[in-house]
Amino acid sequence: MRDPRGPVTVRGKFVTGFVLCSSLLNCWQHTEELKKRRVKDVVRVCEPTYKTEKLVQEGIRVLDWQFDDGNPPPAEVVDEWFNLLKTRFKEEPGCCVAVHCVAGLGR
């Protein structure tokens, strides 16, 4: 079953764009939508609940940076996040990075 909400694109003054996947279902079910939005990375901040092979086959890298819901990310996750954004948007302007959390609220 496909989540009718689907991914949501967020754009800001200093960020080219990223996508929030706040689905209780599997993010891989939105592969075509992610590709359409030029997503190059999916950062899972929730517990891994699905296989990543389909995303990887489509050229989308999956990074697991899990942390507890309702809490701020640990310093190492923040550092990795900023490194990812700086590198990715410099290498491929106009691309997107997706963030996948279960409900899209607490992280």
C-alpha atoms as a PDB file:
ATOM      1  CA  MET A   1       0.000   0.000   0.000  1.00  0.00           C
ATOM      2  CA  ARG A   2       1.355   3.430  -0.925  1.00  0.00           C
ATOM      3  CA  ASP A   3       1.333   6.267   1.579  1.00  0.00           C
ATOM      4  CA  PRO A   4      -0.972   8.967   0.104  1.00  0.00           C
ATOM      5  CA  ARG A   5       1.084  11.682   1.768  1.00  0.00           C
ATOM      6  CA  GLY A   6       4.257  10.689  -0.069  1.00  0.00           C
ATOM      7  CA  PRO A   7       7.520  12.586   0.245  1.00  0.00           C
ATOM      8  CA  VAL A   8       7.464  16.338   0.837  1.00  0.00           C
ATOM      9  CA  THR A   9      10.120  18.656  -0.615  1.00  0.00           C
ATOM     10  CA  VAL A  10      11.523  21.374   1.626  1.00  0.00           C
ATOM     11  CA  ARG A  11      13.504  24.284   0.201  1.00  0.00           C
ATOM     12  CA  GLY A  12      15.251  27.098   2.023  1.00  0.00           C
ATOM     13  CA  LYS A  13      17.425  30.091   1.375  1.00  0.00           C
ATOM     14  CA  PHE A  14      20.719  28.228   1.764  1.00  0.00           C
ATOM     15  CA  VAL A  15      19.686  24.675   0.922  1.00  0.00           C
ATOM     16  CA  THR A  16      18.991  23.495  -2.596  1.00  0.00           C
ATOM     17  CA  GLY A  17      16.421  21.042  -1.324  1.00  0.00           C
ATOM     18  CA  PHE A  18      15.742  17.950   0.652  1.00  0.00           C
ATOM     19  CA  VAL A  19      12.863  15.563   0.944  1.00  0.00           C
ATOM     20  CA  LEU A  20      11.124  14.400   4.095  1.00  0.00           C
ATOM     21  CA  CYS A  21       9.801  10.846   4.000  1.00  0.00           C
ATOM     22  CA  SER A  22       7.479  10.610   6.959  1.00  0.00           C
ATOM     23  CA  SER A  23       5.826   7.376   6.072  1.00  0.00           C
ATOM     24  CA  LEU A  24       4.954   4.507   8.316  1.00  0.00           C
ATOM     25  CA  LEU A  25       5.454   2.464   5.172  1.00  0.00           C
ATOM     26  CA  ASN A  26       8.716   1.787   3.419  1.00  0.00           C
ATOM     27  CA  CYS A  27      10.569   4.690   1.868  1.00  0.00           C
ATOM     28  CA  TRP A  28      11.532   2.455  -1.076  1.00  0.00           C
ATOM     29  CA  GLN A  29       7.883   2.501  -2.145  1.00  0.00           C
ATOM     30  CA  HIS A  30       8.493   6.098  -3.218  1.00  0.00           C
ATOM     31  CA  THR A  31      11.549   5.328  -5.381  1.00  0.00           C
ATOM     32  CA  GLU A  32      10.131   6.899  -8.545  1.00  0.00           C
ATOM     33  CA  GLU A  33       9.120  10.045  -6.671  1.00  0.00           C
ATOM     34  CA  LEU A  34      12.562  10.268  -5.046  1.00  0.00           C
ATOM     35  CA  LYS A  35      14.251   9.910  -8.434  1.00  0.00           C
ATOM     36  CA  LYS A  36      11.975  12.588  -9.913  1.00  0.00           C
ATOM     37  CA  ARG A  37      13.100  14.953  -7.147  1.00  0.00           C
ATOM     38  CA  ARG A  38      16.765  14.085  -7.814  1.00  0.00           C
ATOM     39  CA  VAL A  39      17.340  12.477  -4.409  1.00  0.00           C
ATOM     40  CA  LYS A  40      20.875  11.115  -4.118  1.00  0.00           C
ATOM     41  CA  ASP A  41      20.865  10.080  -0.452  1.00  0.00           C
ATOM     42  CA  VAL A  42      18.292   8.846   2.046  1.00  0.00           C
ATOM     43  CA  VAL A  43      19.259   9.431   5.662  1.00  0.00           C
ATOM     44  CA  ARG A  44      17.335   7.079   7.933  1.00  0.00           C
ATOM     45  CA  VAL A  45      17.123   8.547  11.421  1.00  0.00           C
ATOM     46  CA  CYS A  46      14.648   5.885  12.494  1.00  0.00           C
ATOM     47  CA  GLU A  47      15.173   2.201  13.117  1.00  0.00           C
ATOM     48  CA  PRO A  48      15.848   0.369   9.825  1.00  0.00           C
ATOM     49  CA  THR A  49      12.671  -1.498   8.892  1.00  0.00           C
ATOM     50  CA  TYR A  50      13.218  -2.232   5.199  1.00  0.00           C
ATOM     51  CA  LYS A  51      15.837  -3.473   2.798  1.00  0.00           C
ATOM     52  CA  THR A  52      17.730  -0.849   0.831  1.00  0.00           C
ATOM     53  CA  GLU A  53      18.565  -2.825  -2.316  1.00  0.00           C
ATOM     54  CA  LYS A  54      15.934  -1.178  -4.543  1.00  0.00           C
ATOM     55  CA  LEU A  55      17.055   2.314  -3.575  1.00  0.00           C
ATOM     56  CA  VAL A  56      20.718   1.419  -4.070  1.00  0.00           C
ATOM     57  CA  GLN A  57      19.942  -0.138  -7.478  1.00  0.00           C
ATOM     58  CA  GLU A  58      18.413   3.199  -8.474  1.00  0.00           C
ATOM     59  CA  GLY A  59      21.570   5.078  -7.443  1.00  0.00           C
ATOM     60  CA  ILE A  60      20.227   6.329  -4.118  1.00  0.00           C
ATOM     61  CA  ARG A  61      22.611   5.866  -1.202  1.00  0.00           C
ATOM     62  CA  VAL A  62      21.100   4.997   2.207  1.00  0.00           C
ATOM     63  CA  LEU A  63      22.786   6.226   5.382  1.00  0.00           C
ATOM     64  CA  ASP A  64      21.678   4.964   8.800  1.00  0.00           C
ATOM     65  CA  TRP A  65      22.069   7.709  11.405  1.00  0.00           C
ATOM     66  CA  GLN A  66      19.499   6.495  13.911  1.00  0.00           C
ATOM     67  CA  PHE A  67      18.784   8.369  17.114  1.00  0.00           C
ATOM     68  CA  ASP A  68      15.962   8.284  19.648  1.00  0.00           C
ATOM     69  CA  ASP A  69      12.677   9.929  18.707  1.00  0.00           C
ATOM     70  CA  GLY A  70      11.996  13.116  20.663  1.00  0.00           C
ATOM     71  CA  ASN A  71      15.691  13.744  21.283  1.00  0.00           C
ATOM     72  CA  PRO A  72      18.218  15.900  19.494  1.00  0.00           C
ATOM     73  CA  PRO A  73      20.703  14.070  17.298  1.00  0.00           C
ATOM     74  CA  PRO A  74      24.101  13.277  18.806  1.00  0.00           C
ATOM     75  CA  ALA A  75      26.976  15.596  17.845  1.00  0.00           C
ATOM     76  CA  GLU A  76      28.466  13.025  15.465  1.00  0.00           C
ATOM     77  CA  VAL A  77      25.170  12.808  13.524  1.00  0.00           C
ATOM     78  CA  VAL A  78      25.036  16.614  13.272  1.00  0.00           C
ATOM     79  CA  ASP A  79      28.636  16.678  12.009  1.00  0.00           C
ATOM     80  CA  GLU A  80      27.946  13.941   9.445  1.00  0.00           C
ATOM     81  CA  TRP A  81      24.766  15.741   8.347  1.00  0.00           C
ATOM     82  CA  PHE A  82      26.550  19.025   7.664  1.00  0.00           C
ATOM     83  CA  ASN A  83      29.398  17.224   5.898  1.00  0.00           C
ATOM     84  CA  LEU A  84      26.896  15.378   3.709  1.00  0.00           C
ATOM     85  CA  LEU A  85      25.028  18.566   2.764  1.00  0.00           C
ATOM     86  CA  LYS A  86      28.184  20.563   2.038  1.00  0.00           C
ATOM     87  CA  THR A  87      29.651  17.798  -0.100  1.00  0.00           C
ATOM     88  CA  ARG A  88      26.485  16.729  -1.898  1.00  0.00           C
ATOM     89  CA  PHE A  89      25.243  20.196  -2.841  1.00  0.00           C
ATOM     90  CA  LYS A  90      28.714  21.260  -3.931  1.00  0.00           C
ATOM     91  CA  GLU A  91      29.178  18.172  -6.131  1.00  0.00           C
ATOM     92  CA  GLU A  92      25.648  18.112  -7.537  1.00  0.00           C
ATOM     93  CA  PRO A  93      23.839  21.446  -7.281  1.00  0.00           C
ATOM     94  CA  GLY A  94      20.093  20.976  -7.551  1.00  0.00           C
ATOM     95  CA  CYS A  95      20.045  17.475  -6.099  1.00  0.00           C
ATOM     96  CA  CYS A  96      18.166  16.498  -2.944  1.00  0.00           C
ATOM     97  CA  VAL A  97      18.837  14.598   0.262  1.00  0.00           C
ATOM     98  CA  ALA A  98      15.935  12.719   1.837  1.00  0.00           C
ATOM     99  CA  VAL A  99      15.390  12.256   5.556  1.00  0.00           C
ATOM    100  CA  HIS A 100      13.356   9.249   6.597  1.00  0.00           C
ATOM    101  CA  CYS A 101      11.826   9.091  10.038  1.00  0.00           C
ATOM    102  CA  VAL A 102       8.809   7.085  11.046  1.00  0.00           C
ATOM    103  CA  ALA A 103       6.287   9.812  11.826  1.00  0.00           C
ATOM    104  CA  GLY A 104       8.067  12.982  10.694  1.00  0.00           C
ATOM    105  CA  LEU A 105       7.364  14.690  13.989  1.00  0.00           C
ATOM    106  CA  GLY A 106       9.777  13.912  16.811  1.00  0.00           C
ATOM    107  CA  ARG A 107      13.189  14.035  15.151  1.00  0.00           C
END
